[in-house]
PDB file of N, CA and C in Angstrom:
ATOM      1  N   MET A   1     -49.093  25.832  -2.867  1.00  0.00           N
ATOM      2  CA  MET A   1     -48.386  25.243  -1.741  1.00  0.00           C
ATOM      3  C   MET A   1     -46.896  25.519  -1.898  1.00  0.00           C
ATOM      4  N   THR A   2     -46.264  26.035  -0.830  1.00  0.00           N
ATOM      5  CA  THR A   2     -44.839  26.342  -0.887  1.00  0.00           C
ATOM      6  C   THR A   2     -44.106  25.517   0.149  1.00  0.00           C
ATOM      7  N   ASP A   3     -42.845  25.288  -0.122  1.00  0.00           N
ATOM      8  CA  ASP A   3     -41.985  24.563   0.804  1.00  0.00           C
ATOM      9  C   ASP A   3     -41.130  25.585   1.533  1.00  0.00           C
ATOM     10  N   ASP A   4     -41.270  25.657   2.861  1.00  0.00           N
ATOM     11  CA  ASP A   4     -40.533  26.646   3.634  1.00  0.00           C
ATOM     12  C   ASP A   4     -39.177  26.126   4.111  1.00  0.00           C
ATOM     13  N   THR A   5     -38.787  24.929   3.691  1.00  0.00           N
ATOM     14  CA  THR A   5     -37.505  24.376   4.093  1.00  0.00           C
ATOM     15  C   THR A   5     -36.380  25.100   3.352  1.00  0.00           C
ATOM     16  N   PRO A   6     -35.415  25.652   4.087  1.00  0.00           N
ATOM     17  CA  PRO A   6     -34.293  26.296   3.407  1.00  0.00           C
ATOM     18  C   PRO A   6     -33.566  25.281   2.518  1.00  0.00           C
ATOM     19  N   PRO A   7     -33.136  25.686   1.322  1.00  0.00           N
ATOM     20  CA  PRO A   7     -32.488  24.749   0.407  1.00  0.00           C
ATOM     21  C   PRO A   7     -31.301  24.015   1.014  1.00  0.00           C
ATOM     22  N   SER A   8     -30.476  24.710   1.784  1.00  0.00           N
ATOM     23  CA  SER A   8     -29.298  24.054   2.360  1.00  0.00           C
ATOM     24  C   SER A   8     -29.703  22.991   3.377  1.00  0.00           C
ATOM     25  N   ARG A   9     -30.769  23.229   4.117  1.00  0.00           N
ATOM     26  CA  ARG A   9     -31.231  22.251   5.098  1.00  0.00           C
ATOM     27  C   ARG A   9     -31.797  21.015   4.402  1.00  0.00           C
ATOM     28  N   GLY A  10     -32.544  21.219   3.330  1.00  0.00           N
ATOM     29  CA  GLY A  10     -33.091  20.096   2.575  1.00  0.00           C
ATOM     30  C   GLY A  10     -31.993  19.255   1.950  1.00  0.00           C
ATOM     31  N   LEU A  11     -30.946  19.906   1.426  1.00  0.00           N
ATOM     32  CA  LEU A  11     -29.836  19.187   0.822  1.00  0.00           C
ATOM     33  C   LEU A  11     -29.080  18.385   1.875  1.00  0.00           C
ATOM     34  N   ALA A  12     -28.901  18.957   3.036  1.00  0.00           N
ATOM     35  CA  ALA A  12     -28.214  18.242   4.110  1.00  0.00           C
ATOM     36  C   ALA A  12     -28.988  16.984   4.485  1.00  0.00           C
ATOM     37  N   ALA A  13     -30.298  17.085   4.556  1.00  0.00           N
ATOM     38  CA  ALA A  13     -31.117  15.917   4.873  1.00  0.00           C
ATOM     39  C   ALA A  13     -31.025  14.878   3.761  1.00  0.00           C
ATOM     40  N   ALA A  14     -31.044  15.325   2.514  1.00  0.00           N
ATOM     41  CA  ALA A  14     -30.953  14.398   1.380  1.00  0.00           C
ATOM     42  C   ALA A  14     -29.633  13.639   1.400  1.00  0.00           C
ATOM     43  N   ARG A  15     -28.569  14.323   1.765  1.00  0.00           N
ATOM     44  CA  ARG A  15     -27.246  13.684   1.774  1.00  0.00           C
ATOM     45  C   ARG A  15     -27.124  12.585   2.818  1.00  0.00           C
ATOM     46  N   ARG A  16     -28.001  12.582   3.789  1.00  0.00           N
ATOM     47  CA  ARG A  16     -27.965  11.545   4.832  1.00  0.00           C
ATOM     48  C   ARG A  16     -28.740  10.295   4.437  1.00  0.00           C
ATOM     49  N   THR A  17     -29.384  10.289   3.304  1.00  0.00           N
ATOM     50  CA  THR A  17     -30.183   9.140   2.906  1.00  0.00           C
ATOM     51  C   THR A  17     -29.350   8.146   2.111  1.00  0.00           C
ATOM     52  N   PRO A  18     -29.682   6.855   2.193  1.00  0.00           N
ATOM     53  CA  PRO A  18     -28.972   5.850   1.383  1.00  0.00           C
ATOM     54  C   PRO A  18     -29.134   6.111  -0.117  1.00  0.00           C
ATOM     55  N   CYS A  19     -30.268   6.647  -0.517  1.00  0.00           N
ATOM     56  CA  CYS A  19     -30.494   6.917  -1.943  1.00  0.00           C
ATOM     57  C   CYS A  19     -29.496   7.942  -2.468  1.00  0.00           C
ATOM     58  N   PHE A  20     -29.219   8.969  -1.686  1.00  0.00           N
ATOM     59  CA  PHE A  20     -28.269   9.985  -2.131  1.00  0.00           C
ATOM     60  C   PHE A  20     -26.874   9.397  -2.239  1.00  0.00           C
ATOM     61  N   ALA A  21     -26.503   8.564  -1.287  1.00  0.00           N
ATOM     62  CA  ALA A  21     -25.179   7.931  -1.329  1.00  0.00           C
ATOM     63  C   ALA A  21     -25.031   7.072  -2.587  1.00  0.00           C
ATOM     64  N   ARG A  22     -26.072   6.349  -2.924  1.00  0.00           N
ATOM     65  CA  ARG A  22     -26.037   5.517  -4.128  1.00  0.00           C
ATOM     66  C   ARG A  22     -25.967   6.391  -5.376  1.00  0.00           C
ATOM     67  N   TYR A  23     -26.748   7.453  -5.404  1.00  0.00           N
ATOM     68  CA  TYR A  23     -26.737   8.390  -6.520  1.00  0.00           C
ATOM     69  C   TYR A  23     -25.342   8.995  -6.687  1.00  0.00           C
ATOM     70  N   ALA A  24     -24.740   9.433  -5.598  1.00  0.00           N
ATOM     71  CA  ALA A  24     -23.420  10.049  -5.658  1.00  0.00           C
ATOM     72  C   ALA A  24     -22.368   9.041  -6.129  1.00  0.00           C
ATOM     73  N   ALA A  25     -22.460   7.816  -5.664  1.00  0.00           N
ATOM     74  CA  ALA A  25     -21.510   6.776  -6.087  1.00  0.00           C
ATOM     75  C   ALA A  25     -21.650   6.479  -7.580  1.00  0.00           C
ATOM     76  N   GLN A  26     -22.883   6.397  -8.059  1.00  0.00           N
ATOM     77  CA  GLN A  26     -23.119   6.138  -9.481  1.00  0.00           C
ATOM     78  C   GLN A  26     -22.536   7.255 -10.326  1.00  0.00           C
ATOM     79  N   ARG A  27     -22.725   8.488  -9.901  1.00  0.00           N
ATOM     80  CA  ARG A  27     -22.185   9.634 -10.651  1.00  0.00           C
ATOM     81  C   ARG A  27     -20.657   9.615 -10.646  1.00  0.00           C
ATOM     82  N   ALA A  28     -20.066   9.214  -9.532  1.00  0.00           N
ATOM     83  CA  ALA A  28     -18.604   9.154  -9.450  1.00  0.00           C
ATOM     84  C   ALA A  28     -18.044   8.077 -10.383  1.00  0.00           C
ATOM     85  N   VAL A  29     -18.694   6.934 -10.424  1.00  0.00           N
ATOM     86  CA  VAL A  29     -18.251   5.856 -11.328  1.00  0.00           C
ATOM     87  C   VAL A  29     -18.390   6.292 -12.780  1.00  0.00           C
ATOM     88  N   THR A  30     -19.523   6.899 -13.120  1.00  0.00           N
ATOM     89  CA  THR A  30     -19.727   7.384 -14.486  1.00  0.00           C
ATOM     90  C   THR A  30     -18.673   8.423 -14.849  1.00  0.00           C
ATOM     91  N   ALA A  31     -18.388   9.342 -13.944  1.00  0.00           N
ATOM     92  CA  ALA A  31     -17.381  10.377 -14.208  1.00  0.00           C
ATOM     93  C   ALA A  31     -15.998   9.761 -14.399  1.00  0.00           C
ATOM     94  N   ALA A  32     -15.690   8.721 -13.634  1.00  0.00           N
ATOM     95  CA  ALA A  32     -14.385   8.071 -13.754  1.00  0.00           C
ATOM     96  C   ALA A  32     -14.259   7.306 -15.077  1.00  0.00           C
ATOM     97  N   CYS A  33     -15.338   6.699 -15.539  1.00  0.00           N
ATOM     98  CA  CYS A  33     -15.310   5.906 -16.767  1.00  0.00           C
ATOM     99  C   CYS A  33     -15.484   6.743 -18.024  1.00  0.00           C
ATOM    100  N   ARG A  34     -16.132   7.884 -17.910  1.00  0.00           N
ATOM    101  CA  ARG A  34     -16.482   8.685 -19.089  1.00  0.00           C
ATOM    102  C   ARG A  34     -15.287   9.027 -19.978  1.00  0.00           C
ATOM    103  N   PRO A  35     -14.141   9.489 -19.455  1.00  0.00           N
ATOM    104  CA  PRO A  35     -13.039   9.830 -20.361  1.00  0.00           C
ATOM    105  C   PRO A  35     -12.583   8.645 -21.228  1.00  0.00           C
ATOM    106  N   LEU A  36     -12.491   7.488 -20.634  1.00  0.00           N
ATOM    107  CA  LEU A  36     -12.094   6.297 -21.391  1.00  0.00           C
ATOM    108  C   LEU A  36     -13.141   5.939 -22.436  1.00  0.00           C
ATOM    109  N   LEU A  37     -14.390   5.883 -22.018  1.00  0.00           N
ATOM    110  CA  LEU A  37     -15.459   5.490 -22.929  1.00  0.00           C
ATOM    111  C   LEU A  37     -15.698   6.535 -24.010  1.00  0.00           C
ATOM    112  N   ASP A  38     -15.632   7.822 -23.651  1.00  0.00           N
ATOM    113  CA  ASP A  38     -15.785   8.880 -24.656  1.00  0.00           C
ATOM    114  C   ASP A  38     -14.679   8.796 -25.696  1.00  0.00           C
ATOM    115  N   GLY A  39     -13.475   8.503 -25.245  1.00  0.00           N
ATOM    116  CA  GLY A  39     -12.345   8.380 -26.156  1.00  0.00           C
ATOM    117  C   GLY A  39     -12.532   7.263 -27.166  1.00  0.00           C
ATOM    118  N   LEU A  40     -13.285   6.256 -26.776  1.00  0.00           N
ATOM    119  CA  LEU A  40     -13.581   5.135 -27.666  1.00  0.00           C
ATOM    120  C   LEU A  40     -14.902   5.313 -28.396  1.00  0.00           C
ATOM    121  N   GLY A  41     -15.611   6.400 -28.078  1.00  0.00           N
ATOM    122  CA  GLY A  41     -16.912   6.652 -28.703  1.00  0.00           C
ATOM    123  C   GLY A  41     -17.985   5.686 -28.232  1.00  0.00           C
ATOM    124  N   LEU A  42     -17.893   5.250 -26.988  1.00  0.00           N
ATOM    125  CA  LEU A  42     -18.800   4.213 -26.497  1.00  0.00           C
ATOM    126  C   LEU A  42     -19.845   4.661 -25.492  1.00  0.00           C
ATOM    127  N   MET A  43     -19.882   5.898 -25.095  1.00  0.00           N
ATOM    128  CA  MET A  43     -20.853   6.311 -24.086  1.00  0.00           C
ATOM    129  C   MET A  43     -21.975   7.053 -24.759  1.00  0.00           C
ATOM    130  N   PRO A  44     -23.206   6.755 -24.658  1.00  0.00           N
ATOM    131  CA  PRO A  44     -23.849   5.682 -23.888  1.00  0.00           C
ATOM    132  C   PRO A  44     -24.015   4.377 -24.668  1.00  0.00           C
ATOM    133  N   ARG A  45     -23.451   4.303 -25.842  1.00  0.00           N
ATOM    134  CA  ARG A  45     -23.569   3.061 -26.619  1.00  0.00           C
ATOM    135  C   ARG A  45     -22.999   1.865 -25.872  1.00  0.00           C
ATOM    136  N   TYR A  46     -22.034   2.115 -24.999  1.00  0.00           N
ATOM    137  CA  TYR A  46     -21.434   1.049 -24.220  1.00  0.00           C
ATOM    138  C   TYR A  46     -22.479   0.297 -23.399  1.00  0.00           C
ATOM    139  N   LEU A  47     -23.373   1.039 -22.773  1.00  0.00           N
ATOM    140  CA  LEU A  47     -24.423   0.405 -21.981  1.00  0.00           C
ATOM    141  C   LEU A  47     -25.342  -0.433 -22.862  1.00  0.00           C
ATOM    142  N   VAL A  48     -25.665   0.081 -24.030  1.00  0.00           N
ATOM    143  CA  VAL A  48     -26.503  -0.656 -24.977  1.00  0.00           C
ATOM    144  C   VAL A  48     -25.798  -1.944 -25.370  1.00  0.00           C
ATOM    145  N   MET A  49     -24.505  -1.847 -25.648  1.00  0.00           N
ATOM    146  CA  MET A  49     -23.744  -3.031 -26.045  1.00  0.00           C
ATOM    147  C   MET A  49     -23.722  -4.077 -24.934  1.00  0.00           C
ATOM    148  N   LEU A  50     -23.606  -3.635 -23.692  1.00  0.00           N
ATOM    149  CA  LEU A  50     -23.608  -4.592 -22.578  1.00  0.00           C
ATOM    150  C   LEU A  50     -24.927  -5.361 -22.505  1.00  0.00           C
ATOM    151  N   VAL A  51     -26.038  -4.641 -22.646  1.00  0.00           N
ATOM    152  CA  VAL A  51     -27.346  -5.289 -22.581  1.00  0.00           C
ATOM    153  C   VAL A  51     -27.529  -6.246 -23.759  1.00  0.00           C
ATOM    154  N   LEU A  52     -27.138  -5.803 -24.944  1.00  0.00           N
ATOM    155  CA  LEU A  52     -27.283  -6.662 -26.122  1.00  0.00           C
ATOM    156  C   LEU A  52     -26.392  -7.897 -26.031  1.00  0.00           C
ATOM    157  N   ARG A  53     -25.220  -7.741 -25.454  1.00  0.00           N
ATOM    158  CA  ARG A  53     -24.341  -8.907 -25.270  1.00  0.00           C
ATOM    159  C   ARG A  53     -24.970  -9.920 -24.319  1.00  0.00           C
ATOM    160  N   GLU A  54     -25.601  -9.387 -23.277  1.00  0.00           N
ATOM    161  CA  GLU A  54     -26.216 -10.248 -22.270  1.00  0.00           C
ATOM    162  C   GLU A  54     -27.488 -10.917 -22.780  1.00  0.00           C
ATOM    163  N   ARG A  55     -28.313 -10.167 -23.532  1.00  0.00           N
ATOM    164  CA  ARG A  55     -29.643 -10.650 -23.906  1.00  0.00           C
ATOM    165  C   ARG A  55     -29.803 -10.990 -25.383  1.00  0.00           C
ATOM    166  N   GLY A  56     -28.812 -10.684 -26.194  1.00  0.00           N
ATOM    167  CA  GLY A  56     -28.925 -10.953 -27.619  1.00  0.00           C
ATOM    168  C   GLY A  56     -29.809  -9.929 -28.308  1.00  0.00           C
ATOM    169  N   GLY A  57     -30.270 -10.270 -29.507  1.00  0.00           N
ATOM    170  CA  GLY A  57     -31.124  -9.363 -30.262  1.00  0.00           C
ATOM    171  C   GLY A  57     -32.485  -9.232 -29.596  1.00  0.00           C
ATOM    172  N   ILE A  58     -32.773  -8.077 -29.060  1.00  0.00           N
ATOM    173  CA  ILE A  58     -34.049  -7.830 -28.381  1.00  0.00           C
ATOM    174  C   ILE A  58     -34.700  -6.600 -28.997  1.00  0.00           C
ATOM    175  N   PRO A  59     -36.008  -6.482 -28.886  1.00  0.00           N
ATOM    176  CA  PRO A  59     -36.689  -5.288 -29.401  1.00  0.00           C
ATOM    177  C   PRO A  59     -36.231  -4.022 -28.673  1.00  0.00           C
ATOM    178  N   VAL A  60     -36.332  -2.884 -29.346  1.00  0.00           N
ATOM    179  CA  VAL A  60     -35.917  -1.603 -28.771  1.00  0.00           C
ATOM    180  C   VAL A  60     -36.673  -1.321 -27.478  1.00  0.00           C
ATOM    181  N   LYS A  61     -37.943  -1.680 -27.436  1.00  0.00           N
ATOM    182  CA  LYS A  61     -38.746  -1.444 -26.226  1.00  0.00           C
ATOM    183  C   LYS A  61     -38.155  -2.201 -25.034  1.00  0.00           C
ATOM    184  N   GLU A  62     -37.749  -3.440 -25.250  1.00  0.00           N
ATOM    185  CA  GLU A  62     -37.151  -4.238 -24.174  1.00  0.00           C
ATOM    186  C   GLU A  62     -35.778  -3.678 -23.794  1.00  0.00           C
ATOM    187  N   LEU A  63     -35.022  -3.240 -24.779  1.00  0.00           N
ATOM    188  CA  LEU A  63     -33.723  -2.630 -24.525  1.00  0.00           C
ATOM    189  C   LEU A  63     -33.885  -1.367 -23.682  1.00  0.00           C
ATOM    190  N   ALA A  64     -34.846  -0.525 -24.039  1.00  0.00           N
ATOM    191  CA  ALA A  64     -35.115   0.690 -23.277  1.00  0.00           C
ATOM    192  C   ALA A  64     -35.497   0.355 -21.843  1.00  0.00           C
ATOM    193  N   GLY A  65     -36.316  -0.677 -21.667  1.00  0.00           N
ATOM    194  CA  GLY A  65     -36.707  -1.091 -20.316  1.00  0.00           C
ATOM    195  C   GLY A  65     -35.523  -1.568 -19.499  1.00  0.00           C
ATOM    196  N   ALA A  66     -34.628  -2.318 -20.123  1.00  0.00           N
ATOM    197  CA  ALA A  66     -33.452  -2.826 -19.417  1.00  0.00           C
ATOM    198  C   ALA A  66     -32.541  -1.694 -18.961  1.00  0.00           C
ATOM    199  N   LEU A  67     -32.502  -0.614 -19.741  1.00  0.00           N
ATOM    200  CA  LEU A  67     -31.645   0.524 -19.415  1.00  0.00           C
ATOM    201  C   LEU A  67     -32.369   1.602 -18.605  1.00  0.00           C
ATOM    202  N   HIS A  68     -33.654   1.380 -18.346  1.00  0.00           N
ATOM    203  CA  HIS A  68     -34.484   2.358 -17.637  1.00  0.00           C
ATOM    204  C   HIS A  68     -34.494   3.703 -18.368  1.00  0.00           C
ATOM    205  N   LEU A  69     -34.616   3.616 -19.692  1.00  0.00           N
ATOM    206  CA  LEU A  69     -34.673   4.803 -20.533  1.00  0.00           C
ATOM    207  C   LEU A  69     -35.946   4.779 -21.357  1.00  0.00           C
ATOM    208  N   GLY A  70     -36.326   5.922 -21.871  1.00  0.00           N
ATOM    209  CA  GLY A  70     -37.462   5.997 -22.756  1.00  0.00           C
ATOM    210  C   GLY A  70     -37.134   5.450 -24.138  1.00  0.00           C
ATOM    211  N   HIS A  71     -38.150   4.965 -24.827  1.00  0.00           N
ATOM    212  CA  HIS A  71     -37.970   4.415 -26.174  1.00  0.00           C
ATOM    213  C   HIS A  71     -37.311   5.431 -27.099  1.00  0.00           C
ATOM    214  N   GLY A  72     -37.710   6.685 -27.007  1.00  0.00           N
ATOM    215  CA  GLY A  72     -37.156   7.734 -27.856  1.00  0.00           C
ATOM    216  C   GLY A  72     -35.677   8.001 -27.591  1.00  0.00           C
ATOM    217  N   THR A  73     -35.239   7.740 -26.388  1.00  0.00           N
ATOM    218  CA  THR A  73     -33.827   7.932 -26.048  1.00  0.00           C
ATOM    219  C   THR A  73     -32.971   6.832 -26.651  1.00  0.00           C
ATOM    220  N   VAL A  74     -33.506   5.627 -26.685  1.00  0.00           N
ATOM    221  CA  VAL A  74     -32.738   4.478 -27.153  1.00  0.00           C
ATOM    222  C   VAL A  74     -32.800   4.325 -28.677  1.00  0.00           C
ATOM    223  N   SER A  75     -33.885   4.721 -29.302  1.00  0.00           N
ATOM    224  CA  SER A  75     -34.050   4.539 -30.751  1.00  0.00           C
ATOM    225  C   SER A  75     -32.865   5.049 -31.579  1.00  0.00           C
ATOM    226  N   PRO A  76     -32.344   6.253 -31.310  1.00  0.00           N
ATOM    227  CA  PRO A  76     -31.210   6.723 -32.116  1.00  0.00           C
ATOM    228  C   PRO A  76     -29.941   5.896 -31.936  1.00  0.00           C
ATOM    229  N   LEU A  77     -29.856   5.148 -30.834  1.00  0.00           N
ATOM    230  CA  LEU A  77     -28.656   4.362 -30.561  1.00  0.00           C
ATOM    231  C   LEU A  77     -28.668   3.018 -31.275  1.00  0.00           C
ATOM    232  N   SER A  78     -29.853   2.541 -31.632  1.00  0.00           N
ATOM    233  CA  SER A  78     -29.931   1.204 -32.207  1.00  0.00           C
ATOM    234  C   SER A  78     -29.701   1.205 -33.695  1.00  0.00           C
TER     235      SER A  78
END
């Protein structure tokens, strides 16, 4: 099965969706914060620290769920 939609047309349609706007905003915020957080050595550990501050000592599985990440992604951070 092939998709005959030209790539530029599909992208234009995607950009009109609320999901794309949210995705673009999230990327812009991350890009704006990254230089500061990288300079402090906190990205992505910063997100882990926020969750741990909010929830206290929690299992890695719960931490991964809170961050919407896989267990293997979070394990090296803990």
